[in-house]
Amino acid sequence: MTTTQRNIVRRLCFSKILKLKVDEIKSVLGHFVVGRLDTKHMGIRLGEQTIKVDKESVRKLLSLPCGGIRVNIDNKEACKHSLVSRWRGRFSRCIISCKDLVDKITDNEYEDEEMFQLDLVMLFISTMVSCTMNGITMYTLLYMFDMDHGFREHDWCQFIIDTVKVCKNHWKRCDKNSWFRGPLTFLVLLYLDGTRSVGFDDEITEPQISYWNTERISQRQQMEIKNGGLGSVSVKELFDDDNEYDEGMTTENDVRYEMKAYVSSINAMCDEAEAVKGKLERAISKFAHCHPDNAEVLSVAERYKSLFNKTFDAEAKSAVEKSDVCTDKKGNHNTGMYCVY
């Protein structure tokens, strides 16, 4: 990609894909990971341990936009937006392959940025989200997006999770004619990121998406098989490099978009916490009704109160005051902007 193209990718908040070094997923490891995927509880189950598969894991691993517009994966109506029609008109045939998109990006004969964005998004979806066996793109996937809004205003993290659920539920483990059409690269990288194999990757200090390549994945697969079989690992925390400075985030609009992504991610976590909070309330109430004077019950109730009876007014005020003038990791001063690292 050219420097201009890379900057556009960064402005779309897709900069992590520039670090992707994987060009092939070993079928043995891929089959194992998909087989262990539990869509009811959304996790990769490894015995008594589980790697969560949720929006937060997508954000940590791929840093995709988490905008407020949900991608409608159930939409089957043809998109008549002029932008889509103009994009399709650039190709000499109805069937568009991933190679066609790569050639367009490589030739870099773009009259405007919008066509490059559509080529990039379709290539990303066709290779990383919803794949086909023959490398043909499904341009109808564009129907799922609200084309009156920018791509990074959409919730790509939820899009990945929704696609994982649908594709796993249509996959038949023992059927040779059934193959997983979903985001396999994401799931395998999530498995590698969320586990530790003895004697192999204990010293990884960089994001998994830039560490793993096809050769290393093959070596890791062989190491697990040698040490007791696939899944003979321990689960660990995901590598989170949110503090990595991104040179593409340079304008006030870029920072605001990034802030929206963080807020959306936090809201998702709040939704999960709210669901857990309701379960806790019912469990504690039932317990307290049966054992009102029990010291352990009272202790649990106090802990619940300390967890959910907190406010952040002071911290929020401090953060706003500091946002007027702040310094990024390279020592540059940003005035009137929120500093999101």
C-alpha atoms as a PDB file:
ATOM      1  CA  MET A   1       0.000   0.000   0.000  1.00  0.00           C
ATOM      2  CA  THR A   2       1.038   3.575  -0.554  1.00  0.00           C
ATOM      3  CA  THR A   3       1.528   5.989   2.332  1.00  0.00           C
ATOM      4  CA  THR A   4      -1.749   7.722   1.427  1.00  0.00           C
ATOM      5  CA  GLN A   5      -3.624   4.420   1.436  1.00  0.00           C
ATOM      6  CA  ARG A   6      -2.138   3.469   4.803  1.00  0.00           C
ATOM      7  CA  ASN A   7      -3.243   6.782   6.284  1.00  0.00           C
ATOM      8  CA  ILE A   8      -6.784   6.169   5.038  1.00  0.00           C
ATOM      9  CA  VAL A   9      -6.717   2.725   6.657  1.00  0.00           C
ATOM     10  CA  ARG A  10      -5.661   4.343   9.934  1.00  0.00           C
ATOM     11  CA  ARG A  11      -8.402   6.965   9.722  1.00  0.00           C
ATOM     12  CA  LEU A  12     -10.911   4.148   9.273  1.00  0.00           C
ATOM     13  CA  CYS A  13      -9.516   2.646  12.524  1.00  0.00           C
ATOM     14  CA  PHE A  14      -8.378  -0.469  10.650  1.00  0.00           C
ATOM     15  CA  SER A  15      -4.672   0.100  11.286  1.00  0.00           C
ATOM     16  CA  LYS A  16      -4.188  -3.277  12.998  1.00  0.00           C
ATOM     17  CA  ILE A  17      -4.733  -5.132   9.715  1.00  0.00           C
ATOM     18  CA  LEU A  18      -1.581  -3.448   8.391  1.00  0.00           C
ATOM     19  CA  LYS A  19       0.348  -5.584  10.902  1.00  0.00           C
ATOM     20  CA  LEU A  20      -1.301  -8.867   9.948  1.00  0.00           C
ATOM     21  CA  LYS A  21       1.288 -11.423   8.785  1.00  0.00           C
ATOM     22  CA  VAL A  22      -0.873 -14.542   8.551  1.00  0.00           C
ATOM     23  CA  ASP A  23      -1.615 -15.721   5.014  1.00  0.00           C
ATOM     24  CA  GLU A  24      -2.817 -19.216   5.889  1.00  0.00           C
ATOM     25  CA  ILE A  25      -4.523 -20.961   8.795  1.00  0.00           C
ATOM     26  CA  LYS A  26      -3.621 -24.598   9.350  1.00  0.00           C
ATOM     27  CA  SER A  27      -6.754 -26.699   8.933  1.00  0.00           C
ATOM     28  CA  VAL A  28      -5.982 -28.923  11.942  1.00  0.00           C
ATOM     29  CA  LEU A  29      -5.739 -25.990  14.370  1.00  0.00           C
ATOM     30  CA  GLY A  30      -8.642 -24.165  12.730  1.00  0.00           C
ATOM     31  CA  HIS A  31     -10.899 -27.220  12.992  1.00  0.00           C
ATOM     32  CA  PHE A  32      -9.941 -27.658  16.645  1.00  0.00           C
ATOM     33  CA  VAL A  33     -10.694 -24.028  17.580  1.00  0.00           C
ATOM     34  CA  VAL A  34     -14.054 -23.956  15.775  1.00  0.00           C
ATOM     35  CA  GLY A  35     -14.944 -27.305  17.337  1.00  0.00           C
ATOM     36  CA  ARG A  36     -14.304 -25.888  20.819  1.00  0.00           C
ATOM     37  CA  LEU A  37     -16.330 -22.745  20.107  1.00  0.00           C
ATOM     38  CA  ASP A  38     -19.450 -22.570  22.281  1.00  0.00           C
ATOM     39  CA  THR A  39     -21.887 -20.002  20.838  1.00  0.00           C
ATOM     40  CA  LYS A  40     -24.330 -20.389  23.720  1.00  0.00           C
ATOM     41  CA  HIS A  41     -21.834 -18.979  26.212  1.00  0.00           C
ATOM     42  CA  MET A  42     -19.662 -17.315  23.529  1.00  0.00           C
ATOM     43  CA  GLY A  43     -16.322 -18.795  24.409  1.00  0.00           C
ATOM     44  CA  ILE A  44     -13.639 -21.228  23.278  1.00  0.00           C
ATOM     45  CA  ARG A  45     -13.934 -23.996  25.857  1.00  0.00           C
ATOM     46  CA  LEU A  46     -10.719 -25.684  26.955  1.00  0.00           C
ATOM     47  CA  GLY A  47     -11.708 -28.116  29.668  1.00  0.00           C
ATOM     48  CA  GLU A  48     -12.612 -26.082  32.742  1.00  0.00           C
ATOM     49  CA  GLN A  49     -11.147 -22.930  31.207  1.00  0.00           C
ATOM     50  CA  THR A  50     -12.752 -20.658  28.623  1.00  0.00           C
ATOM     51  CA  ILE A  51     -11.510 -17.896  26.340  1.00  0.00           C
ATOM     52  CA  LYS A  52     -14.281 -15.319  26.018  1.00  0.00           C
ATOM     53  CA  VAL A  53     -15.381 -14.460  22.486  1.00  0.00           C
ATOM     54  CA  ASP A  54     -17.026 -11.059  22.767  1.00  0.00           C
ATOM     55  CA  LYS A  55     -16.788  -7.471  21.560  1.00  0.00           C
ATOM     56  CA  GLU A  56     -14.021  -6.722  24.025  1.00  0.00           C
ATOM     57  CA  SER A  57     -11.863  -9.548  22.675  1.00  0.00           C
ATOM     58  CA  VAL A  58     -12.382  -8.271  19.113  1.00  0.00           C
ATOM     59  CA  ARG A  59     -11.426  -4.771  20.220  1.00  0.00           C
ATOM     60  CA  LYS A  60      -8.277  -5.945  21.979  1.00  0.00           C
ATOM     61  CA  LEU A  61      -7.134  -8.193  19.163  1.00  0.00           C
ATOM     62  CA  LEU A  62      -8.110  -6.234  16.041  1.00  0.00           C
ATOM     63  CA  SER A  63      -8.940  -2.730  17.351  1.00  0.00           C
ATOM     64  CA  LEU A  64     -11.846  -2.452  14.915  1.00  0.00           C
ATOM     65  CA  PRO A  65     -14.316   0.454  15.124  1.00  0.00           C
ATOM     66  CA  CYS A  66     -17.158   0.051  17.629  1.00  0.00           C
ATOM     67  CA  GLY A  67     -19.445   2.761  16.307  1.00  0.00           C
ATOM     68  CA  GLY A  68     -23.084   3.212  17.202  1.00  0.00           C
ATOM     69  CA  ILE A  69     -24.582   1.759  14.002  1.00  0.00           C
ATOM     70  CA  ARG A  70     -25.096  -1.992  14.082  1.00  0.00           C
ATOM     71  CA  VAL A  71     -24.332  -3.948  10.918  1.00  0.00           C
ATOM     72  CA  ASN A  72     -27.586  -5.605   9.880  1.00  0.00           C
ATOM     73  CA  ILE A  73     -26.458  -9.124   8.946  1.00  0.00           C
ATOM     74  CA  ASP A  74     -30.075 -10.176   8.296  1.00  0.00           C
ATOM     75  CA  ASN A  75     -30.715  -7.576   5.606  1.00  0.00           C
ATOM     76  CA  LYS A  76     -31.468  -9.294   2.273  1.00  0.00           C
ATOM     77  CA  GLU A  77     -32.738  -6.277   0.348  1.00  0.00           C
ATOM     78  CA  ALA A  78     -30.621  -5.049  -2.537  1.00  0.00           C
ATOM     79  CA  CYS A  79     -28.798  -1.821  -1.837  1.00  0.00           C
ATOM     80  CA  LYS A  80     -29.675   0.819  -4.436  1.00  0.00           C
ATOM     81  CA  HIS A  81     -27.293   3.404  -3.045  1.00  0.00           C
ATOM     82  CA  SER A  82     -25.458   5.222  -5.824  1.00  0.00           C
ATOM     83  CA  LEU A  83     -22.118   4.620  -4.095  1.00  0.00           C
ATOM     84  CA  VAL A  84     -22.515   0.837  -4.336  1.00  0.00           C
ATOM     85  CA  SER A  85     -23.643   1.073  -7.966  1.00  0.00           C
ATOM     86  CA  ARG A  86     -20.633   3.220  -8.836  1.00  0.00           C
ATOM     87  CA  TRP A  87     -18.308   0.790  -7.053  1.00  0.00           C
ATOM     88  CA  ARG A  88     -19.675  -2.247  -8.921  1.00  0.00           C
ATOM     89  CA  GLY A  89     -19.498  -0.384 -12.229  1.00  0.00           C
ATOM     90  CA  ARG A  90     -15.691  -0.236 -11.973  1.00  0.00           C
ATOM     91  CA  PHE A  91     -15.428  -3.974 -12.608  1.00  0.00           C
ATOM     92  CA  SER A  92     -15.800  -5.540 -16.062  1.00  0.00           C
ATOM     93  CA  ARG A  93     -17.714  -8.576 -14.799  1.00  0.00           C
ATOM     94  CA  CYS A  94     -20.423  -9.380 -12.290  1.00  0.00           C
ATOM     95  CA  ILE A  95     -18.259 -11.833 -10.332  1.00  0.00           C
ATOM     96  CA  ILE A  96     -15.649  -9.957  -8.289  1.00  0.00           C
ATOM     97  CA  SER A  97     -12.788 -11.930  -6.760  1.00  0.00           C
ATOM     98  CA  CYS A  98     -10.459 -11.017  -3.926  1.00  0.00           C
ATOM     99  CA  LYS A  99      -7.663 -10.864  -6.502  1.00  0.00           C
ATOM    100  CA  ASP A 100      -9.629  -8.229  -8.421  1.00  0.00           C
ATOM    101  CA  LEU A 101      -9.742  -6.100  -5.269  1.00  0.00           C
ATOM    102  CA  VAL A 102      -6.037  -6.615  -4.569  1.00  0.00           C
ATOM    103  CA  ASP A 103      -5.230  -5.573  -8.154  1.00  0.00           C
ATOM    104  CA  LYS A 104      -7.323  -2.408  -7.795  1.00  0.00           C
ATOM    105  CA  ILE A 105      -5.584  -1.485  -4.542  1.00  0.00           C
ATOM    106  CA  THR A 106      -2.154  -2.235  -6.011  1.00  0.00           C
ATOM    107  CA  ASP A 107      -2.791  -0.245  -9.202  1.00  0.00           C
ATOM    108  CA  ASN A 108      -3.945   2.693  -7.043  1.00  0.00           C
ATOM    109  CA  GLU A 109      -5.867   4.375  -9.872  1.00  0.00           C
ATOM    110  CA  TYR A 110      -8.480   5.957  -7.620  1.00  0.00           C
ATOM    111  CA  GLU A 111     -10.386   9.094  -8.504  1.00  0.00           C
ATOM    112  CA  ASP A 112     -11.636   9.454  -4.952  1.00  0.00           C
ATOM    113  CA  GLU A 113     -11.127   7.959  -1.495  1.00  0.00           C
ATOM    114  CA  GLU A 114     -14.563   6.343  -1.334  1.00  0.00           C
ATOM    115  CA  MET A 115     -13.745   3.707  -3.954  1.00  0.00           C
ATOM    116  CA  PHE A 116     -10.562   2.724  -2.122  1.00  0.00           C
ATOM    117  CA  GLN A 117     -12.528   2.408   1.119  1.00  0.00           C
ATOM    118  CA  LEU A 118     -15.079   0.106  -0.548  1.00  0.00           C
ATOM    119  CA  ASP A 119     -12.340  -2.062  -2.084  1.00  0.00           C
ATOM    120  CA  LEU A 120     -10.600  -2.283   1.290  1.00  0.00           C
ATOM    121  CA  VAL A 121     -13.767  -3.071   3.243  1.00  0.00           C
ATOM    122  CA  MET A 122     -14.893  -5.744   0.772  1.00  0.00           C
ATOM    123  CA  LEU A 123     -11.437  -7.356   0.828  1.00  0.00           C
ATOM    124  CA  PHE A 124     -11.415  -7.329   4.632  1.00  0.00           C
ATOM    125  CA  ILE A 125     -14.910  -8.832   4.893  1.00  0.00           C
ATOM    126  CA  SER A 126     -14.191 -11.478   2.253  1.00  0.00           C
ATOM    127  CA  THR A 127     -10.976 -12.669   3.916  1.00  0.00           C
ATOM    128  CA  MET A 128     -11.483 -11.944   7.623  1.00  0.00           C
ATOM    129  CA  VAL A 129     -15.226 -12.000   8.324  1.00  0.00           C
ATOM    130  CA  SER A 130     -17.432 -13.916   5.879  1.00  0.00           C
ATOM    131  CA  CYS A 131     -15.347 -16.061   3.536  1.00  0.00           C
ATOM    132  CA  THR A 132     -16.033 -18.156   0.458  1.00  0.00           C
ATOM    133  CA  MET A 133     -14.197 -21.284  -0.656  1.00  0.00           C
ATOM    134  CA  ASN A 134     -13.342 -20.001  -4.144  1.00  0.00           C
ATOM    135  CA  GLY A 135     -12.166 -16.497  -3.193  1.00  0.00           C
ATOM    136  CA  ILE A 136     -15.181 -14.793  -4.749  1.00  0.00           C
ATOM    137  CA  THR A 137     -16.438 -11.729  -2.894  1.00  0.00           C
ATOM    138  CA  MET A 138     -20.048 -11.459  -1.866  1.00  0.00           C
ATOM    139  CA  TYR A 139     -20.753  -7.839  -2.727  1.00  0.00           C
ATOM    140  CA  THR A 140     -24.276  -8.293  -1.343  1.00  0.00           C
ATOM    141  CA  LEU A 141     -22.614  -8.004   2.082  1.00  0.00           C
ATOM    142  CA  LEU A 142     -22.524  -4.274   1.453  1.00  0.00           C
ATOM    143  CA  TYR A 143     -26.318  -4.326   1.800  1.00  0.00           C
ATOM    144  CA  MET A 144     -25.811  -4.826   5.530  1.00  0.00           C
ATOM    145  CA  PHE A 145     -24.269  -1.366   5.964  1.00  0.00           C
ATOM    146  CA  ASP A 146     -25.962   2.006   6.206  1.00  0.00           C
ATOM    147  CA  MET A 147     -24.219   3.606   3.252  1.00  0.00           C
ATOM    148  CA  ASP A 148     -25.307   7.091   4.313  1.00  0.00           C
ATOM    149  CA  HIS A 149     -22.797   6.817   7.170  1.00  0.00           C
ATOM    150  CA  GLY A 150     -19.075   6.166   7.242  1.00  0.00           C
ATOM    151  CA  PHE A 151     -17.761   2.643   7.758  1.00  0.00           C
ATOM    152  CA  ARG A 152     -16.142   3.459  11.065  1.00  0.00           C
ATOM    153  CA  GLU A 153     -19.473   4.681  12.413  1.00  0.00           C
ATOM    154  CA  HIS A 154     -20.589   1.037  12.311  1.00  0.00           C
ATOM    155  CA  ASP A 155     -20.053  -1.481  15.087  1.00  0.00           C
ATOM    156  CA  TRP A 156     -17.504  -3.828  13.517  1.00  0.00           C
ATOM    157  CA  CYS A 157     -16.777  -5.617  16.782  1.00  0.00           C
ATOM    158  CA  GLN A 158     -20.404  -6.705  17.111  1.00  0.00           C
ATOM    159  CA  PHE A 159     -20.418  -7.564  13.396  1.00  0.00           C
ATOM    160  CA  ILE A 160     -17.594 -10.050  13.986  1.00  0.00           C
ATOM    161  CA  ILE A 161     -19.405 -11.616  16.958  1.00  0.00           C
ATOM    162  CA  ASP A 162     -22.732 -11.893  15.096  1.00  0.00           C
ATOM    163  CA  THR A 163     -20.988 -13.551  12.156  1.00  0.00           C
ATOM    164  CA  VAL A 164     -19.182 -16.010  14.449  1.00  0.00           C
ATOM    165  CA  LYS A 165     -22.532 -17.134  15.906  1.00  0.00           C
ATOM    166  CA  VAL A 166     -24.277 -17.589  12.553  1.00  0.00           C
ATOM    167  CA  CYS A 167     -21.379 -19.391  10.880  1.00  0.00           C
ATOM    168  CA  LYS A 168     -20.732 -21.766  13.791  1.00  0.00           C
ATOM    169  CA  ASN A 169     -24.398 -22.684  14.026  1.00  0.00           C
ATOM    170  CA  HIS A 170     -24.383 -23.622  10.317  1.00  0.00           C
ATOM    171  CA  TRP A 171     -21.156 -25.637  10.595  1.00  0.00           C
ATOM    172  CA  LYS A 172     -21.359 -29.427  10.959  1.00  0.00           C
ATOM    173  CA  ARG A 173     -18.317 -30.852  12.682  1.00  0.00           C
ATOM    174  CA  CYS A 174     -18.190 -34.299  11.060  1.00  0.00           C
ATOM    175  CA  ASP A 175     -19.446 -33.310   7.612  1.00  0.00           C
ATOM    176  CA  LYS A 176     -16.616 -33.005   5.072  1.00  0.00           C
ATOM    177  CA  ASN A 177     -18.867 -30.897   2.842  1.00  0.00           C
ATOM    178  CA  SER A 178     -19.509 -28.404   5.646  1.00  0.00           C
ATOM    179  CA  TRP A 179     -16.841 -25.791   6.203  1.00  0.00           C
ATOM    180  CA  PHE A 180     -16.675 -22.799   8.489  1.00  0.00           C
ATOM    181  CA  ARG A 181     -17.330 -19.576   6.571  1.00  0.00           C
ATOM    182  CA  GLY A 182     -16.747 -17.170   9.443  1.00  0.00           C
ATOM    183  CA  PRO A 183     -13.806 -15.177  10.866  1.00  0.00           C
ATOM    184  CA  LEU A 184     -11.446 -18.128  11.319  1.00  0.00           C
ATOM    185  CA  THR A 185      -8.286 -15.999  11.411  1.00  0.00           C
ATOM    186  CA  PHE A 186      -9.723 -13.967  14.289  1.00  0.00           C
ATOM    187  CA  LEU A 187     -10.709 -17.096  16.256  1.00  0.00           C
ATOM    188  CA  VAL A 188      -7.321 -18.774  15.803  1.00  0.00           C
ATOM    189  CA  LEU A 189      -5.424 -15.607  16.739  1.00  0.00           C
ATOM    190  CA  LEU A 190      -7.730 -15.221  19.753  1.00  0.00           C
ATOM    191  CA  TYR A 191      -6.920 -18.789  20.798  1.00  0.00           C
ATOM    192  CA  LEU A 192      -3.188 -18.153  20.404  1.00  0.00           C
ATOM    193  CA  ASP A 193      -3.429 -14.811  22.206  1.00  0.00           C
ATOM    194  CA  GLY A 194      -5.527 -16.206  25.047  1.00  0.00           C
ATOM    195  CA  THR A 195      -3.371 -19.253  25.799  1.00  0.00           C
ATOM    196  CA  ARG A 196       0.179 -20.093  26.752  1.00  0.00           C
ATOM    197  CA  SER A 197       1.996 -23.174  25.481  1.00  0.00           C
ATOM    198  CA  VAL A 198       4.876 -24.466  27.594  1.00  0.00           C
ATOM    199  CA  GLY A 199       8.270 -23.801  26.054  1.00  0.00           C
ATOM    200  CA  PHE A 200       7.056 -21.805  23.083  1.00  0.00           C
ATOM    201  CA  ASP A 201       5.612 -18.325  23.520  1.00  0.00           C
ATOM    202  CA  ASP A 202       6.257 -17.413  27.150  1.00  0.00           C
ATOM    203  CA  GLU A 203       8.292 -14.357  26.176  1.00  0.00           C
ATOM    204  CA  ILE A 204       5.885 -12.699  23.707  1.00  0.00           C
ATOM    205  CA  THR A 205       5.907  -8.966  24.376  1.00  0.00           C
ATOM    206  CA  GLU A 206       4.217  -7.645  21.237  1.00  0.00           C
ATOM    207  CA  PRO A 207       0.638  -7.723  19.901  1.00  0.00           C
ATOM    208  CA  GLN A 208      -0.325 -11.188  18.683  1.00  0.00           C
ATOM    209  CA  ILE A 209      -1.522  -9.888  15.338  1.00  0.00           C
ATOM    210  CA  SER A 210       2.012  -8.764  14.482  1.00  0.00           C
ATOM    211  CA  TYR A 211       3.813 -11.653  16.216  1.00  0.00           C
ATOM    212  CA  TRP A 212       2.076 -14.586  14.587  1.00  0.00           C
ATOM    213  CA  ASN A 213       2.791 -15.637  11.030  1.00  0.00           C
ATOM    214  CA  THR A 214       2.032 -18.877   9.204  1.00  0.00           C
ATOM    215  CA  GLU A 215       5.346 -20.477  10.195  1.00  0.00           C
ATOM    216  CA  ARG A 216       4.990 -19.652  13.903  1.00  0.00           C
ATOM    217  CA  ILE A 217       1.407 -20.905  13.973  1.00  0.00           C
ATOM    218  CA  SER A 218       2.576 -24.200  12.450  1.00  0.00           C
ATOM    219  CA  GLN A 219       5.350 -24.468  15.055  1.00  0.00           C
ATOM    220  CA  ARG A 220       2.900 -23.761  17.883  1.00  0.00           C
ATOM    221  CA  GLN A 221       0.498 -26.382  16.537  1.00  0.00           C
ATOM    222  CA  GLN A 222       3.262 -28.998  16.427  1.00  0.00           C
ATOM    223  CA  MET A 223       4.400 -28.049  19.942  1.00  0.00           C
ATOM    224  CA  GLU A 224       0.902 -28.540  21.389  1.00  0.00           C
ATOM    225  CA  ILE A 225       0.474 -31.902  19.657  1.00  0.00           C
ATOM    226  CA  LYS A 226       3.880 -32.995  20.970  1.00  0.00           C
ATOM    227  CA  ASN A 227       3.040 -31.917  24.539  1.00  0.00           C
ATOM    228  CA  GLY A 228      -0.249 -33.790  24.848  1.00  0.00           C
ATOM    229  CA  GLY A 229      -2.475 -32.629  22.004  1.00  0.00           C
ATOM    230  CA  LEU A 230      -4.178 -29.435  20.867  1.00  0.00           C
ATOM    231  CA  GLY A 231      -5.627 -27.579  23.828  1.00  0.00           C
ATOM    232  CA  SER A 232      -2.836 -28.642  26.187  1.00  0.00           C
ATOM    233  CA  VAL A 233      -2.378 -25.022  27.215  1.00  0.00           C
ATOM    234  CA  SER A 234      -3.132 -22.594  30.020  1.00  0.00           C
ATOM    235  CA  VAL A 235      -5.487 -19.661  29.539  1.00  0.00           C
ATOM    236  CA  LYS A 236      -4.056 -16.177  30.058  1.00  0.00           C
ATOM    237  CA  GLU A 237      -5.168 -12.554  29.753  1.00  0.00           C
ATOM    238  CA  LEU A 238      -5.390 -11.122  26.241  1.00  0.00           C
ATOM    239  CA  PHE A 239      -2.559  -8.851  25.166  1.00  0.00           C
ATOM    240  CA  ASP A 240      -3.946  -5.303  25.174  1.00  0.00           C
ATOM    241  CA  ASP A 241      -1.933  -2.667  23.311  1.00  0.00           C
ATOM    242  CA  ASP A 242      -4.501   0.125  23.475  1.00  0.00           C
ATOM    243  CA  ASN A 243      -1.734   2.497  24.512  1.00  0.00           C
ATOM    244  CA  GLU A 244       0.083   2.064  21.225  1.00  0.00           C
ATOM    245  CA  TYR A 245       0.424   5.406  19.489  1.00  0.00           C
ATOM    246  CA  ASP A 246      -1.166   5.466  16.052  1.00  0.00           C
ATOM    247  CA  GLU A 247       0.288   8.050  13.697  1.00  0.00           C
ATOM    248  CA  GLY A 248      -2.933   8.032  11.705  1.00  0.00           C
ATOM    249  CA  MET A 249      -4.852   9.604  14.605  1.00  0.00           C
ATOM    250  CA  THR A 250      -3.842  13.188  14.027  1.00  0.00           C
ATOM    251  CA  THR A 251      -6.958  15.300  13.563  1.00  0.00           C
ATOM    252  CA  GLU A 252      -9.669  16.339  15.979  1.00  0.00           C
ATOM    253  CA  ASN A 253     -12.281  14.331  14.052  1.00  0.00           C
ATOM    254  CA  ASP A 254     -10.058  11.235  14.225  1.00  0.00           C
ATOM    255  CA  VAL A 255      -9.770  11.550  17.989  1.00  0.00           C
ATOM    256  CA  ARG A 256     -13.526  12.053  18.340  1.00  0.00           C
ATOM    257  CA  TYR A 257     -14.206   8.925  16.303  1.00  0.00           C
ATOM    258  CA  GLU A 258     -11.763   6.992  18.481  1.00  0.00           C
ATOM    259  CA  MET A 259     -13.496   8.345  21.574  1.00  0.00           C
ATOM    260  CA  LYS A 260     -16.844   7.132  20.208  1.00  0.00           C
ATOM    261  CA  ALA A 261     -15.332   3.680  19.725  1.00  0.00           C
ATOM    262  CA  TYR A 262     -14.132   3.586  23.326  1.00  0.00           C
ATOM    263  CA  VAL A 263     -17.486   4.815  24.636  1.00  0.00           C
ATOM    264  CA  SER A 264     -19.292   2.155  22.592  1.00  0.00           C
ATOM    265  CA  SER A 265     -16.979  -0.526  23.985  1.00  0.00           C
ATOM    266  CA  ILE A 266     -17.549   0.706  27.550  1.00  0.00           C
ATOM    267  CA  ASN A 267     -21.317   0.740  26.977  1.00  0.00           C
ATOM    268  CA  ALA A 268     -21.125  -2.896  25.864  1.00  0.00           C
ATOM    269  CA  MET A 269     -19.309  -3.777  29.088  1.00  0.00           C
ATOM    270  CA  CYS A 270     -21.925  -1.834  31.062  1.00  0.00           C
ATOM    271  CA  ASP A 271     -24.675  -3.889  29.396  1.00  0.00           C
ATOM    272  CA  GLU A 272     -22.932  -7.073  30.483  1.00  0.00           C
ATOM    273  CA  ALA A 273     -22.432  -5.708  33.995  1.00  0.00           C
ATOM    274  CA  GLU A 274     -26.101  -4.719  34.199  1.00  0.00           C
ATOM    275  CA  ALA A 275     -27.163  -8.269  33.336  1.00  0.00           C
ATOM    276  CA  VAL A 276     -24.824  -9.674  36.000  1.00  0.00           C
ATOM    277  CA  LYS A 277     -26.059  -7.062  38.482  1.00  0.00           C
ATOM    278  CA  GLY A 278     -29.644  -8.286  38.044  1.00  0.00           C
ATOM    279  CA  LYS A 279     -28.630 -11.889  38.675  1.00  0.00           C
ATOM    280  CA  LEU A 280     -26.681 -10.854  41.777  1.00  0.00           C
ATOM    281  CA  GLU A 281     -29.629  -8.893  43.156  1.00  0.00           C
ATOM    282  CA  ARG A 282     -31.993 -11.843  42.771  1.00  0.00           C
ATOM    283  CA  ALA A 283     -29.504 -14.312  44.250  1.00  0.00           C
ATOM    284  CA  ILE A 284     -28.624 -12.121  47.245  1.00  0.00           C
ATOM    285  CA  SER A 285     -32.282 -11.232  47.908  1.00  0.00           C
ATOM    286  CA  LYS A 286     -33.260 -14.888  47.931  1.00  0.00           C
ATOM    287  CA  PHE A 287     -30.318 -15.767  50.173  1.00  0.00           C
ATOM    288  CA  ALA A 288     -31.005 -12.875  52.560  1.00  0.00           C
ATOM    289  CA  HIS A 289     -34.699 -13.767  52.810  1.00  0.00           C
ATOM    290  CA  CYS A 290     -33.836 -17.281  53.957  1.00  0.00           C
ATOM    291  CA  HIS A 291     -30.914 -16.273  56.196  1.00  0.00           C
ATOM    292  CA  PRO A 292     -31.456 -12.641  57.259  1.00  0.00           C
ATOM    293  CA  ASP A 293     -29.025 -12.724  60.215  1.00  0.00           C
ATOM    294  CA  ASN A 294     -26.262 -14.792  58.671  1.00  0.00           C
ATOM    295  CA  ALA A 295     -22.876 -13.014  58.811  1.00  0.00           C
ATOM    296  CA  GLU A 296     -21.738 -14.394  55.441  1.00  0.00           C
ATOM    297  CA  VAL A 297     -24.948 -13.190  53.794  1.00  0.00           C
ATOM    298  CA  LEU A 298     -24.443  -9.717  55.243  1.00  0.00           C
ATOM    299  CA  SER A 299     -20.836  -9.756  54.041  1.00  0.00           C
ATOM    300  CA  VAL A 300     -21.905 -10.631  50.488  1.00  0.00           C
ATOM    301  CA  ALA A 301     -24.549  -7.887  50.579  1.00  0.00           C
ATOM    302  CA  GLU A 302     -21.942  -5.322  51.676  1.00  0.00           C
ATOM    303  CA  ARG A 303     -19.598  -6.406  48.930  1.00  0.00           C
ATOM    304  CA  TYR A 304     -22.396  -6.026  46.386  1.00  0.00           C
ATOM    305  CA  LYS A 305     -23.075  -2.535  47.708  1.00  0.00           C
ATOM    306  CA  SER A 306     -19.407  -1.552  47.475  1.00  0.00           C
ATOM    307  CA  LEU A 307     -19.229  -2.824  43.872  1.00  0.00           C
ATOM    308  CA  PHE A 308     -22.242  -1.007  42.481  1.00  0.00           C
ATOM    309  CA  ASN A 309     -22.583   2.035  44.715  1.00  0.00           C
ATOM    310  CA  LYS A 310     -19.689   3.987  43.206  1.00  0.00           C
ATOM    311  CA  THR A 311     -19.648   7.242  41.271  1.00  0.00           C
ATOM    312  CA  PHE A 312     -17.045   8.769  38.993  1.00  0.00           C
ATOM    313  CA  ASP A 313     -17.931  12.475  39.173  1.00  0.00           C
ATOM    314  CA  ALA A 314     -14.544  13.571  40.480  1.00  0.00           C
ATOM    315  CA  GLU A 315     -12.602  11.485  37.991  1.00  0.00           C
ATOM    316  CA  ALA A 316     -14.764  12.655  35.097  1.00  0.00           C
ATOM    317  CA  LYS A 317     -14.274  16.302  36.031  1.00  0.00           C
ATOM    318  CA  SER A 318     -10.531  15.821  36.311  1.00  0.00           C
ATOM    319  CA  ALA A 319     -10.393  14.108  32.917  1.00  0.00           C
ATOM    320  CA  VAL A 320     -12.275  16.952  31.224  1.00  0.00           C
ATOM    321  CA  GLU A 321      -9.994  19.554  32.788  1.00  0.00           C
ATOM    322  CA  LYS A 322      -6.895  17.691  31.629  1.00  0.00           C
ATOM    323  CA  SER A 323      -8.294  17.295  28.110  1.00  0.00           C
ATOM    324  CA  ASP A 324      -7.937  21.015  27.358  1.00  0.00           C
ATOM    325  CA  VAL A 325      -4.200  20.640  26.915  1.00  0.00           C
ATOM    326  CA  CYS A 326      -2.489  17.285  26.892  1.00  0.00           C
ATOM    327  CA  THR A 327       0.619  15.678  25.485  1.00  0.00           C
ATOM    328  CA  ASP A 328       0.790  12.529  23.416  1.00  0.00           C
ATOM    329  CA  LYS A 329       3.480   9.872  23.606  1.00  0.00           C
ATOM    330  CA  LYS A 330       5.676  11.702  21.124  1.00  0.00           C
ATOM    331  CA  GLY A 331       5.604  14.903  23.125  1.00  0.00           C
ATOM    332  CA  ASN A 332       3.184  16.742  20.821  1.00  0.00           C
ATOM    333  CA  HIS A 333       0.649  19.048  22.464  1.00  0.00           C
ATOM    334  CA  ASN A 334      -2.991  18.633  21.496  1.00  0.00           C
ATOM    335  CA  THR A 335      -5.236  21.555  22.388  1.00  0.00           C
ATOM    336  CA  GLY A 336      -8.962  21.193  22.925  1.00  0.00           C
ATOM    337  CA  MET A 337      -8.903  17.472  22.191  1.00  0.00           C
ATOM    338  CA  TYR A 338      -9.450  14.358  24.256  1.00  0.00           C
ATOM    339  CA  CYS A 339      -6.235  12.381  24.495  1.00  0.00           C
ATOM    340  CA  VAL A 340      -7.028   8.758  23.728  1.00  0.00           C
ATOM    341  CA  TYR A 341      -4.050   6.434  23.689  1.00  0.00           C
END
